[in-house]
C-alpha cells in the first residue's frame, strides 16, 4: 500500500468480524459483505460495478428517509 500525507482514515469491518484501516493514498479492495466508517473528513474515489453499487446507494437512501 502507498501512503501520502492525507489525513483520510477509513475503518472497514468484514462479515466475518475482521477489521482493517486504510489511510489517505492507500489502494484497497473490499469484497462484498463489509461496512465502512470514516474516522476523519474523507474524500474517496470508488470504482464498483454500476448496477450493484446503485442498489446499495438506493438502499442507503431509503434507510436515511426512514
C-alpha atoms as a PDB file:
ATOM      1  CA  UNK A   1       0.000   0.000   0.000  1.00  0.00           C
ATOM      2  CA  UNK A   2       1.089   3.555  -0.717  1.00  0.00           C
ATOM      3  CA  UNK A   3       0.560   6.361   1.787  1.00  0.00           C
ATOM      4  CA  UNK A   4       0.648  10.110   1.322  1.00  0.00           C
ATOM      5  CA  UNK A   5       0.273  12.941   3.812  1.00  0.00           C
ATOM      6  CA  UNK A   6      -3.526  12.873   3.540  1.00  0.00           C
ATOM      7  CA  UNK A   7      -5.445  12.593   6.814  1.00  0.00           C
ATOM      8  CA  UNK A   8      -8.235  10.393   5.476  1.00  0.00           C
ATOM      9  CA  UNK A   9      -8.851   7.296   7.587  1.00  0.00           C
ATOM     10  CA  UNK A  10     -11.441   4.633   6.777  1.00  0.00           C
ATOM     11  CA  UNK A  11     -12.277   1.682   9.020  1.00  0.00           C
ATOM     12  CA  UNK A  12     -13.865  -1.384   7.432  1.00  0.00           C
ATOM     13  CA  UNK A  13     -15.465  -4.346   9.200  1.00  0.00           C
ATOM     14  CA  UNK A  14     -15.979  -7.518   7.192  1.00  0.00           C
ATOM     15  CA  UNK A  15     -18.835 -10.012   7.561  1.00  0.00           C
ATOM     16  CA  UNK A  16     -16.551 -12.403   9.485  1.00  0.00           C
ATOM     17  CA  UNK A  17     -15.751  -9.682  12.063  1.00  0.00           C
ATOM     18  CA  UNK A  18     -12.209  -8.899  10.925  1.00  0.00           C
ATOM     19  CA  UNK A  19     -11.315  -5.229  10.626  1.00  0.00           C
ATOM     20  CA  UNK A  20      -8.972  -3.145   8.502  1.00  0.00           C
ATOM     21  CA  UNK A  21      -7.989   0.531   8.456  1.00  0.00           C
ATOM     22  CA  UNK A  22      -6.889   2.347   5.311  1.00  0.00           C
ATOM     23  CA  UNK A  23      -5.361   5.810   5.095  1.00  0.00           C
ATOM     24  CA  UNK A  24      -5.112   8.575   2.525  1.00  0.00           C
ATOM     25  CA  UNK A  25      -3.258   7.361  -0.548  1.00  0.00           C
ATOM     26  CA  UNK A  26      -3.867   3.653   0.142  1.00  0.00           C
ATOM     27  CA  UNK A  27      -5.162   1.427  -2.617  1.00  0.00           C
ATOM     28  CA  UNK A  28      -7.597  -1.231  -1.411  1.00  0.00           C
ATOM     29  CA  UNK A  29     -10.182  -3.832  -2.442  1.00  0.00           C
ATOM     30  CA  UNK A  30     -13.121  -4.749  -0.238  1.00  0.00           C
ATOM     31  CA  UNK A  31     -15.159  -7.823  -1.203  1.00  0.00           C
ATOM     32  CA  UNK A  32     -18.942  -7.877  -0.647  1.00  0.00           C
ATOM     33  CA  UNK A  33     -20.072  -8.067   2.972  1.00  0.00           C
ATOM     34  CA  UNK A  34     -18.462  -5.080   4.668  1.00  0.00           C
ATOM     35  CA  UNK A  35     -19.345  -1.834   6.422  1.00  0.00           C
ATOM     36  CA  UNK A  36     -17.241   1.321   6.368  1.00  0.00           C
ATOM     37  CA  UNK A  37     -16.803   4.135   8.885  1.00  0.00           C
ATOM     38  CA  UNK A  38     -14.825   7.320   8.219  1.00  0.00           C
ATOM     39  CA  UNK A  39     -12.521   8.284  11.083  1.00  0.00           C
ATOM     40  CA  UNK A  40     -11.788  11.754   9.685  1.00  0.00           C
ATOM     41  CA  UNK A  41     -13.016  14.004   6.898  1.00  0.00           C
ATOM     42  CA  UNK A  42     -12.561  11.913   3.798  1.00  0.00           C
ATOM     43  CA  UNK A  43     -12.649  12.212   0.039  1.00  0.00           C
ATOM     44  CA  UNK A  44     -12.909   8.785  -1.568  1.00  0.00           C
ATOM     45  CA  UNK A  45     -12.981   7.668  -5.183  1.00  0.00           C
ATOM     46  CA  UNK A  46     -14.757   4.314  -5.557  1.00  0.00           C
ATOM     47  CA  UNK A  47     -14.853   2.034  -8.548  1.00  0.00           C
ATOM     48  CA  UNK A  48     -17.683  -0.525  -8.371  1.00  0.00           C
ATOM     49  CA  UNK A  49     -19.939  -2.345 -10.811  1.00  0.00           C
ATOM     50  CA  UNK A  50     -22.655   0.255 -11.506  1.00  0.00           C
ATOM     51  CA  UNK A  51     -25.702  -1.985 -11.117  1.00  0.00           C
ATOM     52  CA  UNK A  52     -24.622  -3.478  -7.773  1.00  0.00           C
ATOM     53  CA  UNK A  53     -23.384  -0.171  -6.386  1.00  0.00           C
ATOM     54  CA  UNK A  54     -26.608   1.568  -7.448  1.00  0.00           C
ATOM     55  CA  UNK A  55     -28.639  -0.971  -5.445  1.00  0.00           C
ATOM     56  CA  UNK A  56     -26.525  -0.248  -2.358  1.00  0.00           C
ATOM     57  CA  UNK A  57     -26.939   3.523  -2.732  1.00  0.00           C
ATOM     58  CA  UNK A  58     -30.713   3.163  -3.208  1.00  0.00           C
ATOM     59  CA  UNK A  59     -30.901   1.048  -0.034  1.00  0.00           C
ATOM     60  CA  UNK A  60     -28.913   3.601   1.997  1.00  0.00           C
ATOM     61  CA  UNK A  61     -31.061   6.486   0.753  1.00  0.00           C
ATOM     62  CA  UNK A  62     -34.258   4.603   1.672  1.00  0.00           C
ATOM     63  CA  UNK A  63     -32.905   3.924   5.188  1.00  0.00           C
ATOM     64  CA  UNK A  64     -31.986   7.600   5.645  1.00  0.00           C
ATOM     65  CA  UNK A  65     -35.527   8.665   4.728  1.00  0.00           C
ATOM     66  CA  UNK A  66     -36.957   6.457   7.467  1.00  0.00           C
END
